[in-house]
Amino acid sequence: MPRPPRPPSSRPPARTARPSAPRRVAKAPPAEPRLLLLNKPCDVLTQFNDADGRATLKDYVQVPGVYPAGRLDRDSEGLLLLTNDGQLQARIADPKHKLPKTYWVQVEGEVSAEQLQRLRDGVQLNDGLTLPAEVRQLDEPELWPRNPPVRFRKSVPTSWLELVIREGRNRQVRRMTAAVGLPTLRLVRVRIGPWALDGLQPGEWREVPAQL
């Protein structure tokens, strides 16, 4: 007697294994690592191209293959590092490495001991409490004239601070001084970790050993 036909299987069809995503291979360091120290002028973007025709790094650095390690706001001046080494770039720019960054800051108003202490203790911003900063009052430093010039209010005195931070929040120094009642008028970065301006004029750069 013939066997009755088997009922169709209720098992779901076997899933085909998805091809695994290719692993990212760490980019090999360049054959000749380079590290440039640039004194970025005010009103220059920290990038090499701009669709709106604004001033960029390309107007000052014609070295192929280098990119900024970190940022500096368009309206800020001073030390910017550029490298062609991705690993070095990450180490410089990543806040977890906590490289100290030193700024000379011209602020509006006379500075009190209480305001200095608030900056040292950490300031509450809208994105959280900042880490404690090193800060001291400066005599007016000898700097190049800023272009465009700083807009002063003749009736309000100004002061200079040296501020050292180890974070990299957006416009952090300006927000910190504003939070303690000292609006920033001019901001110049003079040192990052072991590297300093050391006499570079706006738009000038020099090359140093690419190591940290």
C-alpha atoms as a PDB file:
ATOM      1  CA  MET A   1       0.000   0.000   0.000  1.00  0.00           C
ATOM      2  CA  PRO A   2       1.509   3.368  -0.963  1.00  0.00           C
ATOM      3  CA  ARG A   3       2.490   5.730   1.864  1.00  0.00           C
ATOM      4  CA  PRO A   4       0.468   8.947   2.215  1.00  0.00           C
ATOM      5  CA  PRO A   5       2.358  12.103   1.190  1.00  0.00           C
ATOM      6  CA  ARG A   6       4.137  13.946   3.993  1.00  0.00           C
ATOM      7  CA  PRO A   7       2.574  17.226   5.085  1.00  0.00           C
ATOM      8  CA  PRO A   8       4.622  20.309   4.186  1.00  0.00           C
ATOM      9  CA  SER A   9       7.201  21.226   6.824  1.00  0.00           C
ATOM     10  CA  SER A  10       6.283  24.058   9.180  1.00  0.00           C
ATOM     11  CA  ARG A  11       9.895  24.868   9.889  1.00  0.00           C
ATOM     12  CA  PRO A  12      11.057  28.304   8.707  1.00  0.00           C
ATOM     13  CA  PRO A  13      13.626  28.231   5.968  1.00  0.00           C
ATOM     14  CA  ALA A  14      17.182  28.207   7.192  1.00  0.00           C
ATOM     15  CA  ARG A  15      18.760  31.638   7.355  1.00  0.00           C
ATOM     16  CA  THR A  16      21.746  32.242   5.210  1.00  0.00           C
ATOM     17  CA  ALA A  17      24.668  33.671   7.131  1.00  0.00           C
ATOM     18  CA  ARG A  18      25.271  37.331   6.423  1.00  0.00           C
ATOM     19  CA  PRO A  19      28.697  38.145   5.176  1.00  0.00           C
ATOM     20  CA  SER A  20      30.677  39.671   8.018  1.00  0.00           C
ATOM     21  CA  ALA A  21      31.517  43.336   7.688  1.00  0.00           C
ATOM     22  CA  PRO A  22      35.098  43.913   6.683  1.00  0.00           C
ATOM     23  CA  ARG A  23      37.292  44.866   9.602  1.00  0.00           C
ATOM     24  CA  ARG A  24      38.777  48.308   9.609  1.00  0.00           C
ATOM     25  CA  VAL A  25      42.461  48.080   9.164  1.00  0.00           C
ATOM     26  CA  ALA A  26      44.457  50.666  11.056  1.00  0.00           C
ATOM     27  CA  LYS A  27      46.009  53.074   8.632  1.00  0.00           C
ATOM     28  CA  ALA A  28      49.752  52.692   8.485  1.00  0.00           C
ATOM     29  CA  PRO A  29      51.673  55.746   9.660  1.00  0.00           C
ATOM     30  CA  PRO A  30      53.112  57.877   6.864  1.00  0.00           C
ATOM     31  CA  ALA A  31      56.641  57.160   5.700  1.00  0.00           C
ATOM     32  CA  GLU A  32      57.600  60.700   6.700  1.00  0.00           C
ATOM     33  CA  PRO A  33      55.422  61.934   9.592  1.00  0.00           C
ATOM     34  CA  ARG A  34      55.180  65.723   9.700  1.00  0.00           C
ATOM     35  CA  LEU A  35      54.043  68.131  12.389  1.00  0.00           C
ATOM     36  CA  LEU A  36      53.567  71.842  11.718  1.00  0.00           C
ATOM     37  CA  LEU A  37      53.016  74.647  14.209  1.00  0.00           C
ATOM     38  CA  LEU A  38      50.912  77.477  12.735  1.00  0.00           C
ATOM     39  CA  ASN A  39      49.997  80.833  14.215  1.00  0.00           C
ATOM     40  CA  LYS A  40      46.431  80.981  12.909  1.00  0.00           C
ATOM     41  CA  PRO A  41      45.280  84.548  12.330  1.00  0.00           C
ATOM     42  CA  CYS A  42      41.912  85.796  13.478  1.00  0.00           C
ATOM     43  CA  ASP A  43      39.031  85.392  11.003  1.00  0.00           C
ATOM     44  CA  VAL A  44      40.515  82.226   9.461  1.00  0.00           C
ATOM     45  CA  LEU A  45      38.604  78.925   9.435  1.00  0.00           C
ATOM     46  CA  THR A  46      40.314  75.801  10.785  1.00  0.00           C
ATOM     47  CA  GLN A  47      39.815  73.925   7.510  1.00  0.00           C
ATOM     48  CA  PHE A  48      41.285  73.936   4.019  1.00  0.00           C
ATOM     49  CA  ASN A  49      38.178  74.654   1.928  1.00  0.00           C
ATOM     50  CA  ASP A  50      35.150  76.886   2.251  1.00  0.00           C
ATOM     51  CA  ALA A  51      32.292  77.149  -0.222  1.00  0.00           C
ATOM     52  CA  ASP A  52      31.626  80.752   0.838  1.00  0.00           C
ATOM     53  CA  GLY A  53      35.095  81.965  -0.032  1.00  0.00           C
ATOM     54  CA  ARG A  54      36.193  82.785   3.533  1.00  0.00           C
ATOM     55  CA  ALA A  55      39.850  82.622   4.554  1.00  0.00           C
ATOM     56  CA  THR A  56      41.064  79.088   5.338  1.00  0.00           C
ATOM     57  CA  LEU A  57      44.279  77.284   6.247  1.00  0.00           C
ATOM     58  CA  LYS A  58      45.002  76.857   2.526  1.00  0.00           C
ATOM     59  CA  ASP A  59      45.828  80.562   2.388  1.00  0.00           C
ATOM     60  CA  TYR A  60      48.780  79.972   4.739  1.00  0.00           C
ATOM     61  CA  VAL A  61      49.825  76.296   4.524  1.00  0.00           C
ATOM     62  CA  GLN A  62      50.559  74.707   1.139  1.00  0.00           C
ATOM     63  CA  VAL A  63      51.888  71.413   2.525  1.00  0.00           C
ATOM     64  CA  PRO A  64      50.003  68.443   1.006  1.00  0.00           C
ATOM     65  CA  GLY A  65      48.473  65.809   3.262  1.00  0.00           C
ATOM     66  CA  VAL A  66      48.430  67.654   6.610  1.00  0.00           C
ATOM     67  CA  TYR A  67      45.260  68.247   8.625  1.00  0.00           C
ATOM     68  CA  PRO A  68      44.460  70.125  11.849  1.00  0.00           C
ATOM     69  CA  ALA A  69      44.888  68.246  15.126  1.00  0.00           C
ATOM     70  CA  GLY A  70      42.095  69.915  17.063  1.00  0.00           C
ATOM     71  CA  ARG A  71      40.310  73.153  16.321  1.00  0.00           C
ATOM     72  CA  LEU A  72      40.562  76.864  16.970  1.00  0.00           C
ATOM     73  CA  ASP A  73      37.537  79.095  16.505  1.00  0.00           C
ATOM     74  CA  ARG A  74      37.441  81.453  13.548  1.00  0.00           C
ATOM     75  CA  ASP A  75      37.512  84.500  15.852  1.00  0.00           C
ATOM     76  CA  SER A  76      40.407  83.108  17.946  1.00  0.00           C
ATOM     77  CA  GLU A  77      44.114  83.327  17.180  1.00  0.00           C
ATOM     78  CA  GLY A  78      47.289  81.475  17.893  1.00  0.00           C
ATOM     79  CA  LEU A  79      48.746  78.001  17.947  1.00  0.00           C
ATOM     80  CA  LEU A  80      47.257  75.320  15.723  1.00  0.00           C
ATOM     81  CA  LEU A  81      48.941  71.962  15.079  1.00  0.00           C
ATOM     82  CA  LEU A  82      48.754  70.205  11.702  1.00  0.00           C
ATOM     83  CA  THR A  83      50.009  66.717  10.892  1.00  0.00           C
ATOM     84  CA  ASN A  84      49.822  63.984   8.258  1.00  0.00           C
ATOM     85  CA  ASP A  85      49.964  61.266  10.946  1.00  0.00           C
ATOM     86  CA  GLY A  86      46.464  60.088  11.903  1.00  0.00           C
ATOM     87  CA  GLN A  87      47.582  58.441  15.151  1.00  0.00           C
ATOM     88  CA  LEU A  88      49.439  61.546  16.279  1.00  0.00           C
ATOM     89  CA  GLN A  89      46.466  63.688  15.274  1.00  0.00           C
ATOM     90  CA  ALA A  90      44.166  61.558  17.461  1.00  0.00           C
ATOM     91  CA  ARG A  91      46.496  61.726  20.443  1.00  0.00           C
ATOM     92  CA  ILE A  92      46.749  65.507  20.220  1.00  0.00           C
ATOM     93  CA  ALA A  93      43.044  66.158  19.652  1.00  0.00           C
ATOM     94  CA  ASP A  94      41.479  63.550  21.959  1.00  0.00           C
ATOM     95  CA  PRO A  95      40.491  65.193  25.299  1.00  0.00           C
ATOM     96  CA  LYS A  96      41.164  61.931  27.161  1.00  0.00           C
ATOM     97  CA  HIS A  97      44.891  62.582  26.782  1.00  0.00           C
ATOM     98  CA  LYS A  98      44.343  65.891  28.600  1.00  0.00           C
ATOM     99  CA  LEU A  99      47.085  67.855  26.887  1.00  0.00           C
ATOM    100  CA  PRO A 100      47.176  71.252  28.618  1.00  0.00           C
ATOM    101  CA  LYS A 101      46.237  74.165  26.367  1.00  0.00           C
ATOM    102  CA  THR A 102      47.376  77.643  27.395  1.00  0.00           C
ATOM    103  CA  TYR A 103      45.469  80.778  26.373  1.00  0.00           C
ATOM    104  CA  TRP A 104      46.043  84.478  26.827  1.00  0.00           C
ATOM    105  CA  VAL A 105      42.626  86.056  27.194  1.00  0.00           C
ATOM    106  CA  GLN A 106      41.683  89.706  27.117  1.00  0.00           C
ATOM    107  CA  VAL A 107      38.454  90.190  29.057  1.00  0.00           C
ATOM    108  CA  GLU A 108      36.135  93.074  29.672  1.00  0.00           C
ATOM    109  CA  GLY A 109      36.205  94.387  33.227  1.00  0.00           C
ATOM    110  CA  GLU A 110      38.518  94.312  36.233  1.00  0.00           C
ATOM    111  CA  VAL A 111      39.266  90.854  37.569  1.00  0.00           C
ATOM    112  CA  SER A 112      38.573  89.984  41.197  1.00  0.00           C
ATOM    113  CA  ALA A 113      40.135  87.269  43.340  1.00  0.00           C
ATOM    114  CA  GLU A 114      36.696  85.636  43.600  1.00  0.00           C
ATOM    115  CA  GLN A 115      36.384  85.370  39.802  1.00  0.00           C
ATOM    116  CA  LEU A 116      39.840  83.826  39.537  1.00  0.00           C
ATOM    117  CA  GLN A 117      38.962  81.272  42.202  1.00  0.00           C
ATOM    118  CA  ARG A 118      35.734  80.316  40.430  1.00  0.00           C
ATOM    119  CA  LEU A 119      37.712  79.572  37.270  1.00  0.00           C
ATOM    120  CA  ARG A 120      40.198  77.512  39.309  1.00  0.00           C
ATOM    121  CA  ASP A 121      37.415  75.518  40.966  1.00  0.00           C
ATOM    122  CA  GLY A 122      35.500  74.752  37.750  1.00  0.00           C
ATOM    123  CA  VAL A 123      32.595  76.637  36.201  1.00  0.00           C
ATOM    124  CA  GLN A 124      29.061  75.341  35.684  1.00  0.00           C
ATOM    125  CA  LEU A 125      28.196  75.604  31.974  1.00  0.00           C
ATOM    126  CA  ASN A 126      25.107  74.408  30.129  1.00  0.00           C
ATOM    127  CA  ASP A 127      26.922  71.171  29.246  1.00  0.00           C
ATOM    128  CA  GLY A 128      28.205  70.509  32.759  1.00  0.00           C
ATOM    129  CA  LEU A 129      30.901  71.518  35.201  1.00  0.00           C
ATOM    130  CA  THR A 130      34.310  72.252  33.727  1.00  0.00           C
ATOM    131  CA  LEU A 131      37.450  70.731  35.138  1.00  0.00           C
ATOM    132  CA  PRO A 132      39.451  73.040  37.393  1.00  0.00           C
ATOM    133  CA  ALA A 133      41.625  75.434  35.394  1.00  0.00           C
ATOM    134  CA  GLU A 134      44.958  77.066  36.092  1.00  0.00           C
ATOM    135  CA  VAL A 135      44.534  80.811  35.885  1.00  0.00           C
ATOM    136  CA  ARG A 136      46.483  83.944  36.740  1.00  0.00           C
ATOM    137  CA  GLN A 137      46.220  87.601  35.864  1.00  0.00           C
ATOM    138  CA  LEU A 138      48.712  88.954  33.327  1.00  0.00           C
ATOM    139  CA  ASP A 139      50.150  92.304  32.470  1.00  0.00           C
ATOM    140  CA  GLU A 140      49.179  93.137  28.895  1.00  0.00           C
ATOM    141  CA  PRO A 141      51.362  90.859  26.738  1.00  0.00           C
ATOM    142  CA  GLU A 142      53.289  92.055  23.685  1.00  0.00           C
ATOM    143  CA  LEU A 143      51.228  90.745  20.786  1.00  0.00           C
ATOM    144  CA  TRP A 144      50.718  91.591  17.139  1.00  0.00           C
ATOM    145  CA  PRO A 145      47.773  93.897  16.306  1.00  0.00           C
ATOM    146  CA  ARG A 146      44.623  91.907  15.690  1.00  0.00           C
ATOM    147  CA  ASN A 147      42.912  92.132  12.307  1.00  0.00           C
ATOM    148  CA  PRO A 148      40.062  93.009  12.578  1.00  0.00           C
ATOM    149  CA  PRO A 149      40.732  95.134  15.660  1.00  0.00           C
ATOM    150  CA  VAL A 150      39.087  94.333  18.984  1.00  0.00           C
ATOM    151  CA  ARG A 151      36.030  96.477  19.684  1.00  0.00           C
ATOM    152  CA  PHE A 152      36.401  98.148  23.060  1.00  0.00           C
ATOM    153  CA  ARG A 153      33.988 100.131  25.157  1.00  0.00           C
ATOM    154  CA  LYS A 154      35.940 103.197  26.224  1.00  0.00           C
ATOM    155  CA  SER A 155      34.104 103.406  29.533  1.00  0.00           C
ATOM    156  CA  VAL A 156      34.944  99.810  30.547  1.00  0.00           C
ATOM    157  CA  PRO A 157      38.481  98.694  31.523  1.00  0.00           C
ATOM    158  CA  THR A 158      39.974  95.456  30.212  1.00  0.00           C
ATOM    159  CA  SER A 159      42.226  92.826  31.804  1.00  0.00           C
ATOM    160  CA  TRP A 160      44.389  89.920  30.649  1.00  0.00           C
ATOM    161  CA  LEU A 161      44.372  86.365  31.976  1.00  0.00           C
ATOM    162  CA  GLU A 162      46.492  83.286  31.350  1.00  0.00           C
ATOM    163  CA  LEU A 163      44.181  80.273  31.390  1.00  0.00           C
ATOM    164  CA  VAL A 164      45.252  76.624  31.145  1.00  0.00           C
ATOM    165  CA  ILE A 165      42.592  73.966  30.476  1.00  0.00           C
ATOM    166  CA  ARG A 166      42.668  70.256  29.693  1.00  0.00           C
ATOM    167  CA  GLU A 167      39.328  69.889  27.936  1.00  0.00           C
ATOM    168  CA  GLY A 168      38.148  70.642  24.430  1.00  0.00           C
ATOM    169  CA  ARG A 169      34.530  71.784  24.660  1.00  0.00           C
ATOM    170  CA  ASN A 170      33.115  74.106  22.039  1.00  0.00           C
ATOM    171  CA  ARG A 171      34.123  77.723  22.744  1.00  0.00           C
ATOM    172  CA  GLN A 172      34.975  76.673  26.272  1.00  0.00           C
ATOM    173  CA  VAL A 173      37.254  79.525  27.314  1.00  0.00           C
ATOM    174  CA  ARG A 174      34.806  82.180  26.122  1.00  0.00           C
ATOM    175  CA  ARG A 175      31.942  80.477  27.949  1.00  0.00           C
ATOM    176  CA  MET A 176      33.990  80.098  31.142  1.00  0.00           C
ATOM    177  CA  THR A 177      34.991  83.751  31.347  1.00  0.00           C
ATOM    178  CA  ALA A 178      31.452  84.878  30.502  1.00  0.00           C
ATOM    179  CA  ALA A 179      30.064  82.638  33.267  1.00  0.00           C
ATOM    180  CA  VAL A 180      32.112  84.511  35.878  1.00  0.00           C
ATOM    181  CA  GLY A 181      31.197  87.932  34.474  1.00  0.00           C
ATOM    182  CA  LEU A 182      34.272  88.551  32.294  1.00  0.00           C
ATOM    183  CA  PRO A 183      33.319  88.549  28.599  1.00  0.00           C
ATOM    184  CA  THR A 184      36.213  87.602  26.307  1.00  0.00           C
ATOM    185  CA  LEU A 185      37.350  90.275  23.860  1.00  0.00           C
ATOM    186  CA  ARG A 186      40.442  88.561  22.441  1.00  0.00           C
ATOM    187  CA  LEU A 187      41.608  84.949  22.697  1.00  0.00           C
ATOM    188  CA  VAL A 188      45.116  83.773  21.755  1.00  0.00           C
ATOM    189  CA  ARG A 189      46.305  80.192  22.219  1.00  0.00           C
ATOM    190  CA  VAL A 190      50.021  80.231  22.971  1.00  0.00           C
ATOM    191  CA  ARG A 191      50.802  76.606  23.915  1.00  0.00           C
ATOM    192  CA  ILE A 192      49.525  73.037  23.458  1.00  0.00           C
ATOM    193  CA  GLY A 193      51.333  70.460  25.584  1.00  0.00           C
ATOM    194  CA  PRO A 194      55.067  70.790  24.787  1.00  0.00           C
ATOM    195  CA  TRP A 195      54.573  73.037  21.735  1.00  0.00           C
ATOM    196  CA  ALA A 196      54.490  76.851  21.863  1.00  0.00           C
ATOM    197  CA  LEU A 197      54.249  79.780  19.461  1.00  0.00           C
ATOM    198  CA  ASP A 198      57.757  80.988  20.369  1.00  0.00           C
ATOM    199  CA  GLY A 199      57.787  84.063  18.156  1.00  0.00           C
ATOM    200  CA  LEU A 200      55.671  82.856  15.224  1.00  0.00           C
ATOM    201  CA  GLN A 201      53.809  85.754  13.657  1.00  0.00           C
ATOM    202  CA  PRO A 202      50.234  85.450  12.292  1.00  0.00           C
ATOM    203  CA  GLY A 203      50.198  83.206   9.229  1.00  0.00           C
ATOM    204  CA  GLU A 204      53.702  81.829   9.868  1.00  0.00           C
ATOM    205  CA  TRP A 205      54.433  78.162  10.534  1.00  0.00           C
ATOM    206  CA  ARG A 206      57.405  75.996  11.336  1.00  0.00           C
ATOM    207  CA  GLU A 207      58.008  72.258  11.337  1.00  0.00           C
ATOM    208  CA  VAL A 208      58.996  70.287  14.449  1.00  0.00           C
ATOM    209  CA  PRO A 209      59.673  66.570  15.090  1.00  0.00           C
ATOM    210  CA  ALA A 210      56.424  64.602  14.696  1.00  0.00           C
ATOM    211  CA  GLN A 211      56.343  62.920  18.066  1.00  0.00           C
ATOM    212  CA  LEU A 212      54.541  63.186  21.388  1.00  0.00           C
END
